Amino acid sequence: FFFPAGLAYSECFLPFAMAYDCYAAISNRLHYAQTMSKEVCSSLVIYSYTGGFVNATILTSNTFTLDFCGDNIIDDFFCDRNKMVLTFYTVLFPMLNPMIYSLRNKDVKEALRKLFQLAPSNV
């Protein structure tokens, strides 16, 4: 329960880091490279994951301090969804989000067009 919850909470903190990046790009256009250095970007990502796993630690510790009625074993923490669906939801989709967000960048789109272009179109 701890790791999927930590990844889910981290996924909630990452838009704040992206919003700060957009704010820095709009408000300080000429100083953007200095404002958003590699250290700042790395620290924003680290703080997002740290905040997510701190929230998961609090949630997990509060969950396991509750009194339950006997030895009930819950196999999944979602009532529906299959273990394969759960894996896609908690692991695969958060891993794909940085790639999806980078596809919105014009430079990345142009690099992918050049990469997948098989032959010149002047035939």
PDB file of N, CA and C in Angstrom:
ATOM      1  N   PHE A   1       0.814  -1.187   0.000  1.00  0.00           N
ATOM      2  CA  PHE A   1       0.000   0.000   0.000  1.00  0.00           C
ATOM      3  C   PHE A   1       0.864   1.261   0.000  1.00  0.00           C
ATOM      4  N   PHE A   2       2.017   1.194   0.626  1.00  0.00           N
ATOM      5  CA  PHE A   2       2.865   2.374   0.791  1.00  0.00           C
ATOM      6  C   PHE A   2       3.399   2.899  -0.544  1.00  0.00           C
ATOM      7  N   PHE A   3       3.942   2.024  -1.394  1.00  0.00           N
ATOM      8  CA  PHE A   3       4.568   2.486  -2.634  1.00  0.00           C
ATOM      9  C   PHE A   3       3.562   3.014  -3.659  1.00  0.00           C
ATOM     10  N   PRO A   4       2.447   2.324  -3.903  1.00  0.00           N
ATOM     11  CA  PRO A   4       1.467   2.934  -4.822  1.00  0.00           C
ATOM     12  C   PRO A   4       0.905   4.257  -4.298  1.00  0.00           C
ATOM     13  N   ALA A   5       0.687   4.357  -2.981  1.00  0.00           N
ATOM     14  CA  ALA A   5       0.190   5.613  -2.423  1.00  0.00           C
ATOM     15  C   ALA A   5       1.250   6.708  -2.543  1.00  0.00           C
ATOM     16  N   GLY A   6       2.513   6.363  -2.321  1.00  0.00           N
ATOM     17  CA  GLY A   6       3.583   7.344  -2.460  1.00  0.00           C
ATOM     18  C   GLY A   6       3.708   7.862  -3.879  1.00  0.00           C
ATOM     19  N   LEU A   7       3.599   6.958  -4.851  1.00  0.00           N
ATOM     20  CA  LEU A   7       3.658   7.387  -6.249  1.00  0.00           C
ATOM     21  C   LEU A   7       2.443   8.227  -6.631  1.00  0.00           C
ATOM     22  N   ALA A   8       1.284   7.869  -6.103  1.00  0.00           N
ATOM     23  CA  ALA A   8       0.077   8.639  -6.410  1.00  0.00           C
ATOM     24  C   ALA A   8       0.153  10.046  -5.814  1.00  0.00           C
ATOM     25  N   TYR A   9       0.619  10.156  -4.582  1.00  0.00           N
ATOM     26  CA  TYR A   9       0.766  11.485  -3.987  1.00  0.00           C
ATOM     27  C   TYR A   9       1.852  12.291  -4.687  1.00  0.00           C
ATOM     28  N   SER A  10       2.925  11.648  -5.097  1.00  0.00           N
ATOM     29  CA  SER A  10       3.970  12.352  -5.835  1.00  0.00           C
ATOM     30  C   SER A  10       3.429  12.878  -7.153  1.00  0.00           C
ATOM     31  N   GLU A  11       2.568  12.098  -7.773  1.00  0.00           N
ATOM     32  CA  GLU A  11       1.935  12.526  -9.022  1.00  0.00           C
ATOM     33  C   GLU A  11       1.069  13.763  -8.797  1.00  0.00           C
ATOM     34  N   CYS A  12       0.538  13.912  -7.591  1.00  0.00           N
ATOM     35  CA  CYS A  12      -0.252  15.107  -7.278  1.00  0.00           C
ATOM     36  C   CYS A  12       0.630  16.327  -7.023  1.00  0.00           C
ATOM     37  N   PHE A  13       1.844  16.132  -6.559  1.00  0.00           N
ATOM     38  CA  PHE A  13       2.745  17.251  -6.298  1.00  0.00           C
ATOM     39  C   PHE A  13       3.473  17.734  -7.551  1.00  0.00           C
ATOM     40  N   LEU A  14       3.667  16.894  -8.525  1.00  0.00           N
ATOM     41  CA  LEU A  14       4.411  17.282  -9.721  1.00  0.00           C
ATOM     42  C   LEU A  14       3.771  18.429 -10.509  1.00  0.00           C
ATOM     43  N   PRO A  15       2.431  18.556 -10.606  1.00  0.00           N
ATOM     44  CA  PRO A  15       1.876  19.728 -11.297  1.00  0.00           C
ATOM     45  C   PRO A  15       2.241  21.050 -10.643  1.00  0.00           C
ATOM     46  N   PHE A  16       2.466  21.059  -9.341  1.00  0.00           N
ATOM     47  CA  PHE A  16       2.907  22.288  -8.694  1.00  0.00           C
ATOM     48  C   PHE A  16       4.301  22.680  -9.171  1.00  0.00           C
ATOM     49  N   ALA A  17       5.164  21.696  -9.337  1.00  0.00           N
ATOM     50  CA  ALA A  17       6.505  21.973  -9.857  1.00  0.00           C
ATOM     51  C   ALA A  17       6.422  22.473 -11.297  1.00  0.00           C
ATOM     52  N   MET A  18       5.541  21.878 -12.084  1.00  0.00           N
ATOM     53  CA  MET A  18       5.384  22.318 -13.471  1.00  0.00           C
ATOM     54  C   MET A  18       4.771  23.720 -13.531  1.00  0.00           C
ATOM     55  N   ALA A  19       3.875  24.027 -12.601  1.00  0.00           N
ATOM     56  CA  ALA A  19       3.286  25.368 -12.558  1.00  0.00           C
ATOM     57  C   ALA A  19       4.341  26.411 -12.197  1.00  0.00           C
ATOM     58  N   TYR A  20       5.238  26.072 -11.277  1.00  0.00           N
ATOM     59  CA  TYR A  20       6.313  27.002 -10.939  1.00  0.00           C
ATOM     60  C   TYR A  20       7.235  27.218 -12.133  1.00  0.00           C
ATOM     61  N   ASP A  21       7.487  26.166 -12.893  1.00  0.00           N
ATOM     62  CA  ASP A  21       8.303  26.281 -14.092  1.00  0.00           C
ATOM     63  C   ASP A  21       7.650  27.228 -15.099  1.00  0.00           C
ATOM     64  N   CYS A  22       6.351  27.084 -15.310  1.00  0.00           N
ATOM     65  CA  CYS A  22       5.643  27.987 -16.226  1.00  0.00           C
ATOM     66  C   CYS A  22       5.655  29.417 -15.705  1.00  0.00           C
ATOM     67  N   TYR A  23       5.479  29.584 -14.413  1.00  0.00           N
ATOM     68  CA  TYR A  23       5.521  30.919 -13.817  1.00  0.00           C
ATOM     69  C   TYR A  23       6.891  31.562 -14.036  1.00  0.00           C
ATOM     70  N   ALA A  24       7.941  30.790 -13.806  1.00  0.00           N
ATOM     71  CA  ALA A  24       9.293  31.330 -13.996  1.00  0.00           C
ATOM     72  C   ALA A  24       9.544  31.670 -15.461  1.00  0.00           C
ATOM     73  N   ALA A  25       9.006  30.880 -16.376  1.00  0.00           N
ATOM     74  CA  ALA A  25       9.200  31.137 -17.809  1.00  0.00           C
ATOM     75  C   ALA A  25       8.456  32.391 -18.251  1.00  0.00           C
ATOM     76  N   ILE A  26       7.283  32.630 -17.671  1.00  0.00           N
ATOM     77  CA  ILE A  26       6.491  33.789 -18.085  1.00  0.00           C
ATOM     78  C   ILE A  26       6.970  35.067 -17.414  1.00  0.00           C
ATOM     79  N   SER A  27       7.266  35.008 -16.130  1.00  0.00           N
ATOM     80  CA  SER A  27       7.592  36.235 -15.402  1.00  0.00           C
ATOM     81  C   SER A  27       9.026  36.696 -15.627  1.00  0.00           C
ATOM     82  N   ASN A  28       9.957  35.792 -15.825  1.00  0.00           N
ATOM     83  CA  ASN A  28      11.365  36.162 -16.033  1.00  0.00           C
ATOM     84  C   ASN A  28      11.888  35.513 -17.307  1.00  0.00           C
ATOM     85  N   ARG A  29      11.430  35.988 -18.432  1.00  0.00           N
ATOM     86  CA  ARG A  29      11.802  35.358 -19.694  1.00  0.00           C
ATOM     87  C   ARG A  29      13.306  35.366 -19.943  1.00  0.00           C
ATOM     88  N   LEU A  30      13.925  36.484 -19.683  1.00  0.00           N
ATOM     89  CA  LEU A  30      15.354  36.587 -19.979  1.00  0.00           C
ATOM     90  C   LEU A  30      16.221  35.902 -18.937  1.00  0.00           C
ATOM     91  N   HIS A  31      15.713  35.734 -17.747  1.00  0.00           N
ATOM     92  CA  HIS A  31      16.477  35.103 -16.674  1.00  0.00           C
ATOM     93  C   HIS A  31      16.023  33.671 -16.399  1.00  0.00           C
ATOM     94  N   TYR A  32      15.286  33.079 -17.328  1.00  0.00           N
ATOM     95  CA  TYR A  32      14.735  31.748 -17.096  1.00  0.00           C
ATOM     96  C   TYR A  32      15.823  30.703 -16.896  1.00  0.00           C
ATOM     97  N   ALA A  33      16.876  30.770 -17.690  1.00  0.00           N
ATOM     98  CA  ALA A  33      17.950  29.772 -17.570  1.00  0.00           C
ATOM     99  C   ALA A  33      18.635  29.858 -16.204  1.00  0.00           C
ATOM    100  N   GLN A  34      18.736  31.056 -15.672  1.00  0.00           N
ATOM    101  CA  GLN A  34      19.338  31.206 -14.351  1.00  0.00           C
ATOM    102  C   GLN A  34      18.348  30.823 -13.248  1.00  0.00           C
ATOM    103  N   THR A  35      17.079  31.158 -13.445  1.00  0.00           N
ATOM    104  CA  THR A  35      16.071  30.862 -12.431  1.00  0.00           C
ATOM    105  C   THR A  35      15.819  29.366 -12.324  1.00  0.00           C
ATOM    106  N   MET A  36      15.690  28.714 -13.464  1.00  0.00           N
ATOM    107  CA  MET A  36      15.388  27.276 -13.476  1.00  0.00           C
ATOM    108  C   MET A  36      16.630  26.487 -13.884  1.00  0.00           C
ATOM    109  N   SER A  37      17.621  26.507 -13.049  1.00  0.00           N
ATOM    110  CA  SER A  37      18.835  25.745 -13.321  1.00  0.00           C
ATOM    111  C   SER A  37      18.567  24.259 -13.095  1.00  0.00           C
ATOM    112  N   LYS A  38      19.535  23.436 -13.436  1.00  0.00           N
ATOM    113  CA  LYS A  38      19.366  21.995 -13.237  1.00  0.00           C
ATOM    114  C   LYS A  38      19.180  21.653 -11.766  1.00  0.00           C
ATOM    115  N   GLU A  39      19.841  22.405 -10.891  1.00  0.00           N
ATOM    116  CA  GLU A  39      19.708  22.158  -9.459  1.00  0.00           C
ATOM    117  C   GLU A  39      18.290  22.459  -8.977  1.00  0.00           C
ATOM    118  N   VAL A  40      17.712  23.558  -9.478  1.00  0.00           N
ATOM    119  CA  VAL A  40      16.355  23.923  -9.073  1.00  0.00           C
ATOM    120  C   VAL A  40      15.352  22.895  -9.593  1.00  0.00           C
ATOM    121  N   CYS A  41      15.512  22.489 -10.852  1.00  0.00           N
ATOM    122  CA  CYS A  41      14.612  21.478 -11.418  1.00  0.00           C
ATOM    123  C   CYS A  41      14.727  20.161 -10.652  1.00  0.00           C
ATOM    124  N   SER A  42      15.948  19.759 -10.351  1.00  0.00           N
ATOM    125  CA  SER A  42      16.145  18.516  -9.596  1.00  0.00           C
ATOM    126  C   SER A  42      15.536  18.616  -8.204  1.00  0.00           C
ATOM    127  N   SER A  43      15.713  19.757  -7.562  1.00  0.00           N
ATOM    128  CA  SER A  43      15.159  19.900  -6.213  1.00  0.00           C
ATOM    129  C   SER A  43      13.630  19.919  -6.241  1.00  0.00           C
ATOM    130  N   LEU A  44      13.018  20.488  -7.273  1.00  0.00           N
ATOM    131  CA  LEU A  44      11.560  20.463  -7.374  1.00  0.00           C
ATOM    132  C   LEU A  44      11.041  19.037  -7.508  1.00  0.00           C
ATOM    133  N   VAL A  45      11.716  18.229  -8.306  1.00  0.00           N
ATOM    134  CA  VAL A  45      11.308  16.834  -8.470  1.00  0.00           C
ATOM    135  C   VAL A  45      11.531  16.058  -7.174  1.00  0.00           C
ATOM    136  N   ILE A  46      12.670  16.283  -6.531  1.00  0.00           N
ATOM    137  CA  ILE A  46      12.963  15.595  -5.265  1.00  0.00           C
ATOM    138  C   ILE A  46      11.949  15.985  -4.200  1.00  0.00           C
ATOM    139  N   TYR A  47      11.612  17.271  -4.113  1.00  0.00           N
ATOM    140  CA  TYR A  47      10.616  17.706  -3.135  1.00  0.00           C
ATOM    141  C   TYR A  47       9.247  17.108  -3.430  1.00  0.00           C
ATOM    142  N   SER A  48       8.912  16.961  -4.705  1.00  0.00           N
ATOM    143  CA  SER A  48       7.621  16.356  -5.061  1.00  0.00           C
ATOM    144  C   SER A  48       7.555  14.908  -4.597  1.00  0.00           C
ATOM    145  N   TYR A  49       8.606  14.146  -4.883  1.00  0.00           N
ATOM    146  CA  TYR A  49       8.609  12.746  -4.457  1.00  0.00           C
ATOM    147  C   TYR A  49       8.727  12.619  -2.948  1.00  0.00           C
ATOM    148  N   THR A  50       9.496  13.486  -2.316  1.00  0.00           N
ATOM    149  CA  THR A  50       9.611  13.454  -0.857  1.00  0.00           C
ATOM    150  C   THR A  50       8.262  13.761  -0.204  1.00  0.00           C
ATOM    151  N   GLY A  51       7.592  14.796  -0.708  1.00  0.00           N
ATOM    152  CA  GLY A  51       6.276  15.138  -0.171  1.00  0.00           C
ATOM    153  C   GLY A  51       5.267  14.018  -0.372  1.00  0.00           C
ATOM    154  N   GLY A  52       5.323  13.368  -1.522  1.00  0.00           N
ATOM    155  CA  GLY A  52       4.416  12.260  -1.788  1.00  0.00           C
ATOM    156  C   GLY A  52       4.641  11.097  -0.851  1.00  0.00           C
ATOM    157  N   PHE A  53       5.898  10.749  -0.620  1.00  0.00           N
ATOM    158  CA  PHE A  53       6.169   9.611   0.255  1.00  0.00           C
ATOM    159  C   PHE A  53       6.003   9.960   1.722  1.00  0.00           C
ATOM    160  N   VAL A  54       6.151  11.230   2.107  1.00  0.00           N
ATOM    161  CA  VAL A  54       5.835  11.635   3.483  1.00  0.00           C
ATOM    162  C   VAL A  54       4.332  11.498   3.719  1.00  0.00           C
ATOM    163  N   ASN A  55       3.526  11.946   2.737  1.00  0.00           N
ATOM    164  CA  ASN A  55       2.077  11.762   2.859  1.00  0.00           C
ATOM    165  C   ASN A  55       1.709  10.294   2.909  1.00  0.00           C
ATOM    166  N   ALA A  56       2.370   9.465   2.102  1.00  0.00           N
ATOM    167  CA  ALA A  56       2.088   8.027   2.110  1.00  0.00           C
ATOM    168  C   ALA A  56       2.480   7.406   3.447  1.00  0.00           C
ATOM    169  N   THR A  57       3.571   7.875   4.050  1.00  0.00           N
ATOM    170  CA  THR A  57       3.980   7.370   5.356  1.00  0.00           C
ATOM    171  C   THR A  57       2.938   7.698   6.419  1.00  0.00           C
ATOM    172  N   ILE A  58       2.437   8.920   6.387  1.00  0.00           N
ATOM    173  CA  ILE A  58       1.414   9.320   7.357  1.00  0.00           C
ATOM    174  C   ILE A  58       0.142   8.505   7.155  1.00  0.00           C
ATOM    175  N   LEU A  59      -0.279   8.365   5.907  1.00  0.00           N
ATOM    176  CA  LEU A  59      -1.498   7.609   5.623  1.00  0.00           C
ATOM    177  C   LEU A  59      -1.344   6.141   6.008  1.00  0.00           C
ATOM    178  N   THR A  60      -0.205   5.545   5.672  1.00  0.00           N
ATOM    179  CA  THR A  60       0.010   4.137   5.990  1.00  0.00           C
ATOM    180  C   THR A  60       0.092   3.915   7.498  1.00  0.00           C
ATOM    181  N   SER A  61       0.802   4.774   8.191  1.00  0.00           N
ATOM    182  CA  SER A  61       0.908   4.602   9.648  1.00  0.00           C
ATOM    183  C   SER A  61      -0.437   4.804  10.326  1.00  0.00           C
ATOM    184  N   ASN A  62      -1.236   5.758   9.849  1.00  0.00           N
ATOM    185  CA  ASN A  62      -2.573   5.938  10.422  1.00  0.00           C
ATOM    186  C   ASN A  62      -3.483   4.759  10.106  1.00  0.00           C
ATOM    187  N   THR A  63      -3.321   4.170   8.942  1.00  0.00           N
ATOM    188  CA  THR A  63      -4.149   3.024   8.570  1.00  0.00           C
ATOM    189  C   THR A  63      -3.842   1.820   9.444  1.00  0.00           C
ATOM    190  N   PHE A  64      -2.583   1.571   9.717  1.00  0.00           N
ATOM    191  CA  PHE A  64      -2.216   0.383  10.474  1.00  0.00           C
ATOM    192  C   PHE A  64      -2.348   0.554  11.980  1.00  0.00           C
ATOM    193  N   THR A  65      -2.706   1.739  12.445  1.00  0.00           N
ATOM    194  CA  THR A  65      -2.974   1.901  13.866  1.00  0.00           C
ATOM    195  C   THR A  65      -4.453   1.724  14.187  1.00  0.00           C
ATOM    196  N   LEU A  66      -5.277   1.514  13.167  1.00  0.00           N
ATOM    197  CA  LEU A  66      -6.706   1.290  13.397  1.00  0.00           C
ATOM    198  C   LEU A  66      -6.944  -0.112  13.937  1.00  0.00           C
ATOM    199  N   ASP A  67      -8.009  -0.260  14.705  1.00  0.00           N
ATOM    200  CA  ASP A  67      -8.400  -1.576  15.218  1.00  0.00           C
ATOM    201  C   ASP A  67      -9.332  -2.240  14.208  1.00  0.00           C
ATOM    202  N   PHE A  68      -9.033  -3.484  13.884  1.00  0.00           N
ATOM    203  CA  PHE A  68      -9.864  -4.245  12.960  1.00  0.00           C
ATOM    204  C   PHE A  68     -10.485  -5.418  13.699  1.00  0.00           C
ATOM    205  N   CYS A  69     -11.534  -5.968  13.136  1.00  0.00           N
ATOM    206  CA  CYS A  69     -12.277  -7.062  13.767  1.00  0.00           C
ATOM    207  C   CYS A  69     -11.738  -8.410  13.331  1.00  0.00           C
ATOM    208  N   GLY A  70     -10.615  -8.828  13.775  1.00  0.00           N
ATOM    209  CA  GLY A  70     -10.102 -10.154  13.454  1.00  0.00           C
ATOM    210  C   GLY A  70      -9.019 -10.117  12.392  1.00  0.00           C
ATOM    211  N   ASP A  71      -8.776 -11.297  11.846  1.00  0.00           N
ATOM    212  CA  ASP A  71      -7.701 -11.457  10.880  1.00  0.00           C
ATOM    213  C   ASP A  71      -8.223 -11.380   9.448  1.00  0.00           C
ATOM    214  N   ASN A  72      -8.830 -10.288   9.091  1.00  0.00           N
ATOM    215  CA  ASN A  72      -9.294 -10.106   7.722  1.00  0.00           C
ATOM    216  C   ASN A  72      -8.113  -9.694   6.855  1.00  0.00           C
ATOM    217  N   ILE A  73      -7.942 -10.354   5.749  1.00  0.00           N
ATOM    218  CA  ILE A  73      -6.852 -10.055   4.829  1.00  0.00           C
ATOM    219  C   ILE A  73      -7.460  -9.447   3.569  1.00  0.00           C
ATOM    220  N   ILE A  74      -7.016  -8.250   3.238  1.00  0.00           N
ATOM    221  CA  ILE A  74      -7.485  -7.579   2.034  1.00  0.00           C
ATOM    222  C   ILE A  74      -6.363  -7.683   1.004  1.00  0.00           C
ATOM    223  N   ASP A  75      -6.670  -8.328  -0.127  1.00  0.00           N
ATOM    224  CA  ASP A  75      -5.651  -8.595  -1.134  1.00  0.00           C
ATOM    225  C   ASP A  75      -5.277  -7.342  -1.925  1.00  0.00           C
ATOM    226  N   ASP A  76      -6.222  -6.490  -2.189  1.00  0.00           N
ATOM    227  CA  ASP A  76      -5.984  -5.259  -2.927  1.00  0.00           C
ATOM    228  C   ASP A  76      -6.541  -4.102  -2.123  1.00  0.00           C
ATOM    229  N   PHE A  77      -6.078  -2.897  -2.429  1.00  0.00           N
ATOM    230  CA  PHE A  77      -6.631  -1.766  -1.715  1.00  0.00           C
ATOM    231  C   PHE A  77      -7.689  -1.053  -2.533  1.00  0.00           C
ATOM    232  N   PHE A  78      -7.976  -1.502  -3.753  1.00  0.00           N
ATOM    233  CA  PHE A  78      -9.113  -1.034  -4.526  1.00  0.00           C
ATOM    234  C   PHE A  78     -10.141  -2.155  -4.568  1.00  0.00           C
ATOM    235  N   CYS A  79     -11.382  -1.801  -4.526  1.00  0.00           N
ATOM    236  CA  CYS A  79     -12.430  -2.827  -4.490  1.00  0.00           C
ATOM    237  C   CYS A  79     -12.669  -3.461  -5.849  1.00  0.00           C
ATOM    238  N   ASP A  80     -12.425  -2.671  -6.967  1.00  0.00           N
ATOM    239  CA  ASP A  80     -12.702  -3.213  -8.274  1.00  0.00           C
ATOM    240  C   ASP A  80     -11.555  -4.095  -8.666  1.00  0.00           C
ATOM    241  N   ARG A  81     -10.956  -3.025  -9.438  1.00  0.00           N
ATOM    242  CA  ARG A  81     -10.058  -3.033 -10.552  1.00  0.00           C
ATOM    243  C   ARG A  81      -9.181  -4.196 -10.382  1.00  0.00           C
ATOM    244  N   ASN A  82      -8.575  -5.424 -11.077  1.00  0.00           N
ATOM    245  CA  ASN A  82      -7.644  -6.513 -11.310  1.00  0.00           C
ATOM    246  C   ASN A  82      -6.243  -6.043 -10.905  1.00  0.00           C
ATOM    247  N   LYS A  83      -5.310  -7.043 -10.513  1.00  0.00           N
ATOM    248  CA  LYS A  83      -3.953  -6.625 -10.151  1.00  0.00           C
ATOM    249  C   LYS A  83      -3.209  -6.057 -11.358  1.00  0.00           C
ATOM    250  N   MET A  84      -3.514  -6.544 -12.552  1.00  0.00           N
ATOM    251  CA  MET A  84      -2.862  -6.014 -13.750  1.00  0.00           C
ATOM    252  C   MET A  84      -3.321  -4.573 -14.011  1.00  0.00           C
ATOM    253  N   VAL A  85      -4.605  -4.318 -13.840  1.00  0.00           N
ATOM    254  CA  VAL A  85      -5.123  -2.964 -14.009  1.00  0.00           C
ATOM    255  C   VAL A  85      -4.521  -2.048 -12.952  1.00  0.00           C
ATOM    256  N   LEU A  86      -4.416  -2.540 -11.735  1.00  0.00           N
ATOM    257  CA  LEU A  86      -3.809  -1.773 -10.656  1.00  0.00           C
ATOM    258  C   LEU A  86      -2.358  -1.432 -10.968  1.00  0.00           C
ATOM    259  N   THR A  87      -1.640  -2.371 -11.549  1.00  0.00           N
ATOM    260  CA  THR A  87      -0.247  -2.127 -11.906  1.00  0.00           C
ATOM    261  C   THR A  87      -0.144  -1.047 -12.976  1.00  0.00           C
ATOM    262  N   PHE A  88      -1.003  -1.114 -13.986  1.00  0.00           N
ATOM    263  CA  PHE A  88      -0.993  -0.077 -15.021  1.00  0.00           C
ATOM    264  C   PHE A  88      -1.326   1.282 -14.427  1.00  0.00           C
ATOM    265  N   TYR A  89      -2.301   1.308 -13.541  1.00  0.00           N
ATOM    266  CA  TYR A  89      -2.760   2.570 -12.977  1.00  0.00           C
ATOM    267  C   TYR A  89      -1.721   3.219 -12.075  1.00  0.00           C
ATOM    268  N   THR A  90      -1.020   2.429 -11.280  1.00  0.00           N
ATOM    269  CA  THR A  90      -0.109   3.002 -10.291  1.00  0.00           C
ATOM    270  C   THR A  90       1.343   3.058 -10.724  1.00  0.00           C
ATOM    271  N   VAL A  91       1.742   2.275 -11.726  1.00  0.00           N
ATOM    272  CA  VAL A  91       3.145   2.253 -12.118  1.00  0.00           C
ATOM    273  C   VAL A  91       3.343   2.758 -13.542  1.00  0.00           C
ATOM    274  N   LEU A  92       2.633   2.196 -14.489  1.00  0.00           N
ATOM    275  CA  LEU A  92       2.893   2.501 -15.895  1.00  0.00           C
ATOM    276  C   LEU A  92       2.474   3.912 -16.269  1.00  0.00           C
ATOM    277  N   PHE A  93       1.281   4.324 -15.893  1.00  0.00           N
ATOM    278  CA  PHE A  93       0.813   5.652 -16.270  1.00  0.00           C
ATOM    279  C   PHE A  93       1.653   6.782 -15.675  1.00  0.00           C
ATOM    280  N   PRO A  94       2.041   6.750 -14.385  1.00  0.00           N
ATOM    281  CA  PRO A  94       2.933   7.800 -13.890  1.00  0.00           C
ATOM    282  C   PRO A  94       4.300   7.815 -14.583  1.00  0.00           C
ATOM    283  N   MET A  95       4.765   6.646 -15.043  1.00  0.00           N
ATOM    284  CA  MET A  95       6.047   6.631 -15.759  1.00  0.00           C
ATOM    285  C   MET A  95       5.906   7.236 -17.155  1.00  0.00           C
ATOM    286  N   LEU A  96       4.731   7.157 -17.746  1.00  0.00           N
ATOM    287  CA  LEU A  96       4.517   7.703 -19.082  1.00  0.00           C
ATOM    288  C   LEU A  96       4.251   9.203 -19.077  1.00  0.00           C
ATOM    289  N   ASN A  97       3.848   9.774 -17.949  1.00  0.00           N
ATOM    290  CA  ASN A  97       3.498  11.190 -17.910  1.00  0.00           C
ATOM    291  C   ASN A  97       4.628  12.121 -18.326  1.00  0.00           C
ATOM    292  N   PRO A  98       5.880  11.937 -17.885  1.00  0.00           N
ATOM    293  CA  PRO A  98       6.921  12.845 -18.374  1.00  0.00           C
ATOM    294  C   PRO A  98       7.085  12.796 -19.893  1.00  0.00           C
ATOM    295  N   MET A  99       6.942  11.609 -20.490  1.00  0.00           N
ATOM    296  CA  MET A  99       7.047  11.518 -21.944  1.00  0.00           C
ATOM    297  C   MET A  99       5.867  12.223 -22.611  1.00  0.00           C
ATOM    298  N   ILE A 100       4.675  12.072 -22.059  1.00  0.00           N
ATOM    299  CA  ILE A 100       3.501  12.725 -22.634  1.00  0.00           C
ATOM    300  C   ILE A 100       3.622  14.234 -22.515  1.00  0.00           C
ATOM    301  N   TYR A 101       4.088  14.718 -21.368  1.00  0.00           N
ATOM    302  CA  TYR A 101       4.249  16.157 -21.197  1.00  0.00           C
ATOM    303  C   TYR A 101       5.338  16.710 -22.111  1.00  0.00           C
ATOM    304  N   SER A 102       6.383  15.930 -22.371  1.00  0.00           N
ATOM    305  CA  SER A 102       7.447  16.422 -23.236  1.00  0.00           C
ATOM    306  C   SER A 102       7.020  16.450 -24.697  1.00  0.00           C
ATOM    307  N   LEU A 103       6.018  15.667 -25.074  1.00  0.00           N
ATOM    308  CA  LEU A 103       5.527  15.707 -26.448  1.00  0.00           C
ATOM    309  C   LEU A 103       4.815  17.009 -26.761  1.00  0.00           C
ATOM    310  N   ARG A 104       4.493  17.777 -25.760  1.00  0.00           N
ATOM    311  CA  ARG A 104       3.892  19.087 -25.988  1.00  0.00           C
ATOM    312  C   ARG A 104       4.946  20.116 -26.393  1.00  0.00           C
ATOM    313  N   ASN A 105       6.190  19.800 -26.226  1.00  0.00           N
ATOM    314  CA  ASN A 105       7.287  20.694 -26.567  1.00  0.00           C
ATOM    315  C   ASN A 105       7.541  20.621 -28.065  1.00  0.00           C
ATOM    316  N   LYS A 106       7.682  21.765 -28.715  1.00  0.00           N
ATOM    317  CA  LYS A 106       7.880  21.802 -30.167  1.00  0.00           C
ATOM    318  C   LYS A 106       9.214  21.178 -30.575  1.00  0.00           C
ATOM    319  N   ASP A 107      10.258  21.390 -29.789  1.00  0.00           N
ATOM    320  CA  ASP A 107      11.568  20.828 -30.122  1.00  0.00           C
ATOM    321  C   ASP A 107      11.544  19.302 -30.091  1.00  0.00           C
ATOM    322  N   VAL A 108      10.847  18.741 -29.107  1.00  0.00           N
ATOM    323  CA  VAL A 108      10.759  17.280 -29.016  1.00  0.00           C
ATOM    324  C   VAL A 108       9.959  16.734 -30.189  1.00  0.00           C
ATOM    325  N   LYS A 109       8.874  17.416 -30.562  1.00  0.00           N
ATOM    326  CA  LYS A 109       8.080  16.970 -31.711  1.00  0.00           C
ATOM    327  C   LYS A 109       8.911  16.987 -32.988  1.00  0.00           C
ATOM    328  N   GLU A 110       9.686  18.043 -33.180  1.00  0.00           N
ATOM    329  CA  GLU A 110      10.517  18.142 -34.384  1.00  0.00           C
ATOM    330  C   GLU A 110      11.598  17.072 -34.402  1.00  0.00           C
ATOM    331  N   ALA A 111      12.188  16.781 -33.248  1.00  0.00           N
ATOM    332  CA  ALA A 111      13.203  15.728 -33.189  1.00  0.00           C
ATOM    333  C   ALA A 111      12.601  14.359 -33.497  1.00  0.00           C
ATOM    334  N   LEU A 112      11.379  14.110 -33.023  1.00  0.00           N
ATOM    335  CA  LEU A 112      10.724  12.843 -33.331  1.00  0.00           C
ATOM    336  C   LEU A 112      10.361  12.743 -34.810  1.00  0.00           C
ATOM    337  N   ARG A 113       9.953  13.856 -35.412  1.00  0.00           N
ATOM    338  CA  ARG A 113       9.666  13.837 -36.857  1.00  0.00           C
ATOM    339  C   ARG A 113      10.924  13.494 -37.648  1.00  0.00           C
ATOM    340  N   LYS A 114      12.043  14.088 -37.274  1.00  0.00           N
ATOM    341  CA  LYS A 114      13.299  13.791 -37.966  1.00  0.00           C
ATOM    342  C   LYS A 114      13.741  12.359 -37.739  1.00  0.00           C
ATOM    343  N   LEU A 115      13.502  11.843 -36.542  1.00  0.00           N
ATOM    344  CA  LEU A 115      13.903  10.485 -36.223  1.00  0.00           C
ATOM    345  C   LEU A 115      13.106   9.458 -37.016  1.00  0.00           C
ATOM    346  N   PHE A 116      11.799   9.684 -37.130  1.00  0.00           N
ATOM    347  CA  PHE A 116      10.947   8.710 -37.810  1.00  0.00           C
ATOM    348  C   PHE A 116      10.757   8.971 -39.304  1.00  0.00           C
ATOM    349  N   GLN A 117      11.372  10.005 -39.797  1.00  0.00           N
ATOM    350  CA  GLN A 117      11.271  10.274 -41.243  1.00  0.00           C
ATOM    351  C   GLN A 117      12.157   9.283 -41.982  1.00  0.00           C
ATOM    352  N   LEU A 118      11.552   8.446 -42.816  1.00  0.00           N
ATOM    353  CA  LEU A 118      12.279   7.377 -43.492  1.00  0.00           C
ATOM    354  C   LEU A 118      13.025   7.877 -44.726  1.00  0.00           C
ATOM    355  N   ALA A 119      12.375   8.665 -45.524  1.00  0.00           N
ATOM    356  CA  ALA A 119      12.998   9.132 -46.759  1.00  0.00           C
ATOM    357  C   ALA A 119      12.536  10.550 -47.014  1.00  0.00           C
ATOM    358  N   PRO A 120      13.327  11.327 -47.748  1.00  0.00           N
ATOM    359  CA  PRO A 120      12.890  12.687 -48.086  1.00  0.00           C
ATOM    360  C   PRO A 120      11.617  12.636 -48.949  1.00  0.00           C
ATOM    361  N   SER A 121      10.803  13.641 -48.833  1.00  0.00           N
ATOM    362  CA  SER A 121       9.536  13.651 -49.546  1.00  0.00           C
ATOM    363  C   SER A 121       9.651  14.281 -50.927  1.00  0.00           C
ATOM    364  N   ASN A 122      10.849  14.435 -51.463  1.00  0.00           N
ATOM    365  CA  ASN A 122      11.023  15.035 -52.785  1.00  0.00           C
ATOM    366  C   ASN A 122      11.042  14.007 -53.908  1.00  0.00           C
ATOM    367  N   VAL A 123      10.491  12.824 -53.676  1.00  0.00           N
ATOM    368  CA  VAL A 123      10.478  11.769 -54.689  1.00  0.00           C
ATOM    369  C   VAL A 123       9.435  12.045 -55.719  1.00  0.00           C
TER     370      VAL A 123
END
